[in-house]
Amino acid sequence: MSMKTAGVIGGGAWGTALALVCGRAGLTTTLWAREPEVVEAIRTRGENSVFLPGIKLEPAFAVTGDLADLAACDLILNVTPAQHLRASLKAFAPHARPGVPILLCAKGVEQGTLKLMTEVLAETLPQAAPAVLSGPSFAGEVARGLPTAVTLACPDEALGRALAEAIASPLFRPYVATDMVGAEIGGSVKNVLAIACGIVEGRGLGRSAHAALITRGFAELTRLAVALGGKAETVAGLCGLGDLVLTCSSAQSRNNRIGLALGQGMSLEAALASLGGAVAEGVASAPAVRDLAAKVGVEMPISDAVAAILAGEADLDTAIAGLLSRPLKAER
């Protein structure tokens, strides 16, 4: 199961960082970007000045605006935002080889359908071999070559090991799992909870409240993963707890920054505009997570509160008061 070439779909910060990961691992790599200005910047200046400014890119990968250039790749990493995954997979479908492994790197739940990314892949490219990459990883740090460990989940254990070996390097370590549902839910819900943590910080509620929110948020995340067929031990690892701690505790997280801005009184529109075109997945995922949890009968009060705030159904103080006035109960 030798892999020598990789294609990366999505020229944002994370897609660019993962193209570097693949190149450093020895794969001949091609990055596809939708934006012509990204293709031009990488080709002429060796930098993704649109989404990953200030980081000089090694000559580790080629860049293209034509998905056909990825047709012969042994491995595809799809890094387009969750709400655009379906469209990007449909666009790639005419070029996809039967059985090609597609490593899904977006974190979210599709609005409307309430589908996980693996379910979207199964509907659009049923002939592909699915896998999920998730875990505590900031694009800028990965691009600079700082040590990172992630979860690579694939139901085919042999393929999962082959994928991990293909993209691994001393500074990028994938841990193999078979539970794609757990990996997906961990990555999706932590973005919503990171918005909540940002709100707590912006409101000046203190580190004790921050720690309590992470802990109780992790309980919500675990309940949803298990209800959907995932494993509690999966989300207790890098793709759940690890990613949650990172995203909820650093201003490098776009979702955390959105919450911080909201907590300080900024409107959602202004907060999103401050990201300069980058995507905060939790904003789109919050209503989908709320609806998915309701569908399977899982109680997720923190995620519900975030969805209500983003939808303008509740102001910050009302939502916070509602969480604090919930009936006392056992922790487990």
Protein backbone atom coordinates (compact mmCIF):
# COMPACT_ATOMS: atom_id res chain seq x y z
CA MET A 1 0.00 0.00 0.00
CA SER A 2 2.75 2.39 -1.05
CA MET A 3 1.82 6.07 -1.28
CA LYS A 4 4.06 8.47 -3.12
CA THR A 5 1.78 11.33 -4.18
CA ALA A 6 -0.74 13.46 -2.30
CA GLY A 7 -3.32 16.01 -3.36
CA VAL A 8 -4.66 18.63 -0.96
CA ILE A 9 -8.03 20.23 -1.73
CA GLY A 10 -8.31 23.63 -0.06
CA GLY A 11 -5.80 26.48 -0.06
CA GLY A 12 -6.64 27.99 3.32
CA ALA A 13 -4.25 28.08 6.27
CA TRP A 14 -4.83 24.45 7.28
CA GLY A 15 -4.69 23.15 3.73
CA THR A 16 -1.41 24.95 3.15
CA ALA A 17 0.02 23.60 6.41
CA LEU A 18 -1.01 20.04 5.52
CA ALA A 19 0.55 20.38 2.07
CA LEU A 20 3.78 21.19 3.90
CA VAL A 21 3.25 18.16 6.15
CA CYS A 22 2.90 15.89 3.13
CA GLY A 23 5.92 17.39 1.42
CA ARG A 24 8.07 17.01 4.51
CA ALA A 25 6.99 13.37 4.72
CA GLY A 26 8.45 12.79 1.27
CA LEU A 27 5.23 12.79 -0.75
CA THR A 28 5.09 14.55 -4.10
CA THR A 29 2.31 16.96 -3.23
CA THR A 30 -0.06 19.22 -5.16
CA LEU A 31 -2.24 21.82 -3.40
CA TRP A 32 -5.46 22.92 -5.08
CA ALA A 33 -6.75 26.39 -4.18
CA ARG A 34 -10.04 27.90 -5.29
CA GLU A 35 -8.73 31.45 -5.09
CA PRO A 36 -6.52 32.50 -8.05
CA GLU A 37 -4.74 34.99 -5.78
CA VAL A 38 -3.62 32.14 -3.51
CA VAL A 39 -2.25 30.17 -6.47
CA GLU A 40 -0.44 33.25 -7.74
CA ALA A 41 1.00 34.20 -4.34
CA ILE A 42 2.39 30.72 -3.67
CA ARG A 43 3.85 30.42 -7.17
CA THR A 44 5.47 33.83 -7.32
CA ARG A 45 6.29 34.66 -3.69
CA GLY A 46 6.46 31.27 -2.00
CA GLU A 47 3.90 32.39 0.58
CA ASN A 48 0.16 32.07 1.10
CA SER A 49 -0.19 35.75 1.88
CA VAL A 50 -3.99 35.51 1.84
CA PHE A 51 -4.54 32.88 4.56
CA LEU A 52 -1.13 32.10 6.07
CA PRO A 53 0.88 35.32 5.85
CA GLY A 54 4.39 35.61 7.16
CA ILE A 55 5.33 31.96 6.68
CA LYS A 56 7.69 31.19 3.85
CA LEU A 57 6.71 27.94 2.20
CA GLU A 58 9.38 25.40 1.47
CA PRO A 59 9.50 24.17 -2.14
CA ALA A 60 7.71 21.07 -0.87
CA PHE A 61 4.58 21.15 -3.04
CA ALA A 62 3.11 22.40 -6.29
CA VAL A 63 -0.03 24.55 -6.42
CA THR A 64 -2.85 24.51 -8.97
CA GLY A 65 -6.30 25.85 -9.66
CA ASP A 66 -7.37 22.75 -11.61
CA LEU A 67 -8.73 19.74 -9.69
CA ALA A 68 -7.82 17.50 -12.62
CA ASP A 69 -4.18 17.88 -11.55
CA LEU A 70 -4.99 15.78 -8.46
CA ALA A 71 -6.53 12.88 -10.38
CA ALA A 72 -3.51 10.57 -10.21
CA CYS A 73 -2.67 11.19 -6.54
CA ASP A 74 -2.38 8.17 -4.24
CA LEU A 75 -3.98 10.11 -1.36
CA ILE A 76 -6.35 13.08 -1.19
CA LEU A 77 -6.66 15.39 1.82
CA ASN A 78 -9.86 17.44 1.67
CA VAL A 79 -9.42 20.56 3.78
CA THR A 80 -12.29 22.74 2.53
CA PRO A 81 -14.57 24.14 5.28
CA ALA A 82 -17.30 21.78 6.46
CA GLN A 83 -20.15 23.69 4.86
CA HIS A 84 -18.38 23.61 1.48
CA LEU A 85 -17.23 19.98 1.62
CA ARG A 86 -20.13 18.60 -0.43
CA ALA A 87 -19.53 21.08 -3.26
CA SER A 88 -15.79 20.43 -3.34
CA LEU A 89 -16.28 16.65 -3.41
CA LYS A 90 -18.81 16.93 -6.24
CA ALA A 91 -16.34 19.05 -8.18
CA PHE A 92 -13.59 16.49 -7.63
CA ALA A 93 -15.80 13.47 -8.40
CA PRO A 94 -15.09 13.39 -12.17
CA HIS A 95 -11.36 13.11 -11.38
CA ALA A 96 -11.50 10.65 -8.45
CA ARG A 97 -10.10 7.16 -8.97
CA PRO A 98 -12.18 4.27 -7.56
CA GLY A 99 -10.96 3.41 -4.06
CA VAL A 100 -8.82 6.53 -3.64
CA PRO A 101 -8.29 7.28 0.08
CA ILE A 102 -9.79 10.64 1.05
CA LEU A 103 -8.62 12.02 4.37
CA LEU A 104 -11.26 14.44 5.66
CA CYS A 105 -9.68 17.33 7.55
CA ALA A 106 -12.64 19.70 8.05
CA LYS A 107 -14.37 19.80 11.43
CA GLY A 108 -18.10 20.36 11.46
CA VAL A 109 -21.66 19.15 10.93
CA GLU A 110 -23.40 20.04 7.68
CA GLN A 111 -26.28 22.45 8.15
CA GLY A 112 -29.69 21.27 6.99
CA THR A 113 -28.80 17.61 6.52
CA LEU A 114 -27.07 17.27 9.94
CA LYS A 115 -24.57 14.95 8.25
CA LEU A 116 -21.06 14.30 9.46
CA MET A 117 -18.28 14.80 6.93
CA THR A 118 -17.89 11.05 6.39
CA GLU A 119 -21.61 10.82 5.58
CA VAL A 120 -21.25 13.64 3.04
CA LEU A 121 -18.33 11.76 1.49
CA ALA A 122 -20.35 8.52 1.33
CA GLU A 123 -23.12 10.34 -0.54
CA THR A 124 -20.92 12.19 -3.01
CA LEU A 125 -18.00 9.79 -3.57
CA PRO A 126 -19.17 6.36 -2.38
CA GLN A 127 -16.27 4.68 -4.18
CA ALA A 128 -13.67 6.51 -2.05
CA ALA A 129 -11.98 5.03 1.03
CA PRO A 130 -12.80 7.35 3.97
CA ALA A 131 -10.56 8.50 6.80
CA VAL A 132 -10.60 11.41 9.26
CA LEU A 133 -7.74 13.60 10.49
CA SER A 134 -8.43 15.54 13.69
CA GLY A 135 -6.61 16.74 16.76
CA PRO A 136 -4.96 19.71 18.51
CA SER A 137 -3.23 21.54 15.68
CA PHE A 138 -2.91 25.20 14.74
CA ALA A 139 -2.06 25.76 11.10
CA GLY A 140 0.66 28.32 11.79
CA GLU A 141 2.47 26.06 14.24
CA VAL A 142 2.26 23.04 11.94
CA ALA A 143 3.49 25.13 9.00
CA ARG A 144 6.49 26.28 11.05
CA GLY A 145 7.34 22.67 11.86
CA LEU A 146 6.47 22.71 15.56
CA PRO A 147 5.73 19.30 17.15
CA THR A 148 2.14 18.14 16.65
CA ALA A 149 0.21 14.94 17.39
CA VAL A 150 -3.19 14.14 15.87
CA THR A 151 -5.70 11.31 15.45
CA LEU A 152 -6.06 9.57 12.10
CA ALA A 153 -9.26 7.52 12.16
CA CYS A 154 -9.98 4.92 9.47
CA PRO A 155 -12.25 1.85 9.70
CA ASP A 156 -9.75 -0.11 7.59
CA GLU A 157 -6.88 -0.60 10.04
CA ALA A 158 -4.33 -1.48 7.39
CA LEU A 159 -5.22 1.58 5.33
CA GLY A 160 -5.16 3.75 8.45
CA ARG A 161 -1.63 2.63 9.25
CA ALA A 162 -0.55 3.22 5.66
CA LEU A 163 -2.01 6.73 5.67
CA ALA A 164 -0.35 7.54 8.99
CA GLU A 165 3.01 6.29 7.75
CA ALA A 166 2.63 8.28 4.53
CA ILE A 167 2.15 11.68 6.22
CA ALA A 168 4.14 11.15 9.42
CA SER A 169 7.42 12.88 10.20
CA PRO A 170 9.37 13.37 13.44
CA LEU A 171 7.43 16.59 14.06
CA PHE A 172 3.99 15.43 12.88
CA ARG A 173 2.76 12.27 14.59
CA PRO A 174 -0.60 10.68 13.69
CA TYR A 175 -2.06 8.18 16.16
CA VAL A 176 -4.23 5.60 14.40
CA ALA A 177 -7.83 4.82 15.41
CA THR A 178 -10.81 3.12 13.77
CA ASP A 179 -13.58 5.29 15.27
CA MET A 180 -14.37 7.95 12.68
CA VAL A 181 -17.56 9.06 14.46
CA GLY A 182 -15.71 9.85 17.68
CA ALA A 183 -13.00 11.71 15.78
CA GLU A 184 -15.57 13.75 13.87
CA ILE A 185 -17.71 14.67 16.86
CA GLY A 186 -14.63 15.68 18.85
CA GLY A 187 -13.53 18.06 16.11
CA SER A 188 -17.01 19.44 15.47
CA VAL A 189 -18.24 20.13 18.99
CA LYS A 190 -14.96 21.55 20.32
CA ASN A 191 -15.33 24.47 17.90
CA VAL A 192 -18.72 25.33 19.39
CA LEU A 193 -17.35 25.05 22.92
CA ALA A 194 -14.39 27.26 22.00
CA ILE A 195 -16.86 30.05 21.21
CA ALA A 196 -18.36 29.59 24.66
CA CYS A 197 -14.92 29.79 26.28
CA GLY A 198 -14.17 32.96 24.37
CA ILE A 199 -17.40 34.48 25.64
CA VAL A 200 -16.45 33.57 29.21
CA GLU A 201 -13.08 35.29 28.78
CA GLY A 202 -14.55 38.32 27.06
CA ARG A 203 -17.10 38.67 29.84
CA GLY A 204 -14.37 38.51 32.48
CA LEU A 205 -15.89 35.53 34.27
CA GLY A 206 -12.54 34.11 35.35
CA ARG A 207 -10.37 31.02 34.92
CA SER A 208 -12.50 28.91 37.26
CA ALA A 209 -15.51 29.37 35.00
CA HIS A 210 -13.29 28.65 32.00
CA ALA A 211 -12.13 25.33 33.48
CA ALA A 212 -15.66 24.36 34.47
CA LEU A 213 -16.92 25.09 30.97
CA ILE A 214 -14.24 22.94 29.33
CA THR A 215 -15.02 20.07 31.69
CA ARG A 216 -18.78 20.19 31.33
CA GLY A 217 -18.44 20.83 27.61
CA PHE A 218 -16.35 17.70 27.29
CA ALA A 219 -19.16 15.78 29.00
CA GLU A 220 -21.57 17.09 26.33
CA LEU A 221 -19.19 16.16 23.54
CA THR A 222 -18.80 12.64 24.91
CA ARG A 223 -22.55 12.10 25.26
CA LEU A 224 -23.16 13.05 21.65
CA ALA A 225 -20.30 10.92 20.32
CA VAL A 226 -21.52 7.82 22.19
CA ALA A 227 -25.14 8.41 21.13
CA LEU A 228 -24.03 8.44 17.49
CA GLY A 229 -22.03 5.22 17.82
CA GLY A 230 -18.62 6.65 18.70
CA LYS A 231 -16.45 5.59 21.61
CA ALA A 232 -15.83 7.52 24.81
CA GLU A 233 -12.17 6.50 24.74
CA THR A 234 -11.74 8.09 21.30
CA VAL A 235 -12.88 11.52 22.42
CA ALA A 236 -10.81 11.18 25.58
CA GLY A 237 -7.77 11.36 23.28
CA LEU A 238 -6.21 13.88 20.94
CA CYS A 239 -9.23 14.36 18.65
CA GLY A 240 -11.56 15.19 21.54
CA LEU A 241 -10.09 16.32 24.85
CA GLY A 242 -6.76 17.35 23.32
CA ASP A 243 -8.34 19.49 20.62
CA LEU A 244 -10.86 20.92 23.08
CA VAL A 245 -8.19 22.09 25.53
CA LEU A 246 -6.14 23.72 22.77
CA THR A 247 -9.02 25.45 21.01
CA CYS A 248 -10.64 26.70 24.19
CA SER A 249 -7.42 28.07 25.66
CA SER A 250 -5.71 30.05 22.92
CA ALA A 251 -6.40 33.23 20.99
CA GLN A 252 -4.91 31.48 17.94
CA SER A 253 -8.27 29.71 17.69
CA ARG A 254 -10.60 31.57 15.36
CA ASN A 255 -13.62 30.19 17.22
CA ASN A 256 -12.21 31.37 20.53
CA ARG A 257 -11.61 34.82 19.05
CA ILE A 258 -15.21 35.00 17.84
CA GLY A 259 -16.44 34.24 21.36
CA LEU A 260 -14.03 36.74 22.89
CA ALA A 261 -15.30 39.46 20.57
CA LEU A 262 -18.92 38.62 21.38
CA GLY A 263 -18.16 38.64 25.10
CA GLN A 264 -16.64 42.10 24.76
CA GLY A 265 -19.80 43.40 23.10
CA MET A 266 -18.96 43.15 19.41
CA SER A 267 -21.67 42.05 16.99
CA LEU A 268 -21.37 38.66 15.28
CA GLU A 269 -21.03 40.33 11.88
CA ALA A 270 -18.15 42.51 13.09
CA ALA A 271 -16.50 39.56 14.83
CA LEU A 272 -16.60 37.49 11.64
CA ALA A 273 -15.30 40.39 9.58
CA SER A 274 -12.31 40.67 11.93
CA LEU A 275 -11.14 37.24 10.75
CA GLY A 276 -10.29 38.66 7.33
CA GLY A 277 -12.04 35.98 5.33
CA ALA A 278 -10.89 33.01 7.43
CA VAL A 279 -13.59 30.58 8.56
CA ALA A 280 -14.64 29.90 12.15
CA GLU A 281 -16.26 26.47 11.73
CA GLY A 282 -18.08 26.65 15.07
CA VAL A 283 -20.36 29.47 13.92
CA ALA A 284 -21.89 27.32 11.18
CA SER A 285 -21.71 24.09 13.18
CA ALA A 286 -23.44 25.39 16.33
CA PRO A 287 -27.03 25.24 15.01
CA ALA A 288 -26.33 21.91 13.31
CA VAL A 289 -24.86 20.45 16.52
CA ARG A 290 -27.89 21.68 18.46
CA ASP A 291 -30.31 20.11 15.97
CA LEU A 292 -28.33 16.87 15.78
CA ALA A 293 -28.28 16.55 19.57
CA ALA A 294 -32.04 17.14 19.71
CA LYS A 295 -32.56 14.54 16.99
CA VAL A 296 -30.78 11.83 19.00
CA GLY A 297 -32.08 13.01 22.40
CA VAL A 298 -28.80 14.23 23.90
CA GLU A 299 -28.78 17.13 26.35
CA MET A 300 -26.14 19.75 25.45
CA PRO A 301 -26.93 22.96 27.36
CA ILE A 302 -23.65 24.78 26.63
CA SER A 303 -23.82 24.07 22.90
CA ASP A 304 -27.50 25.04 22.91
CA ALA A 305 -26.65 28.36 24.57
CA VAL A 306 -23.96 29.12 21.97
CA ALA A 307 -26.37 28.35 19.13
CA ALA A 308 -29.01 30.60 20.71
CA ILE A 309 -26.54 33.48 21.09
CA LEU A 310 -25.31 33.19 17.50
CA ALA A 311 -28.89 33.06 16.19
CA GLY A 312 -29.89 36.13 18.19
CA GLU A 313 -32.38 34.10 20.22
CA ALA A 314 -30.76 35.03 23.54
CA ASP A 315 -28.41 37.75 24.70
CA LEU A 316 -25.20 36.84 26.49
CA ASP A 317 -26.33 37.61 30.02
CA THR A 318 -29.59 35.69 29.62
CA ALA A 319 -27.78 32.66 28.21
CA ILE A 320 -25.16 32.71 30.99
CA ALA A 321 -27.83 33.12 33.67
CA GLY A 322 -29.71 30.18 32.19
CA LEU A 323 -26.66 27.93 32.46
CA LEU A 324 -25.90 29.02 36.02
CA SER A 325 -29.48 28.49 37.19
CA ARG A 326 -29.79 24.92 35.94
CA PRO A 327 -30.90 22.40 38.59
CA LEU A 328 -28.14 20.84 40.67
CA LYS A 329 -27.27 17.30 39.66
CA ALA A 330 -24.64 14.61 40.01
CA GLU A 331 -21.49 15.18 37.94
CA ARG A 332 -21.77 11.71 36.36
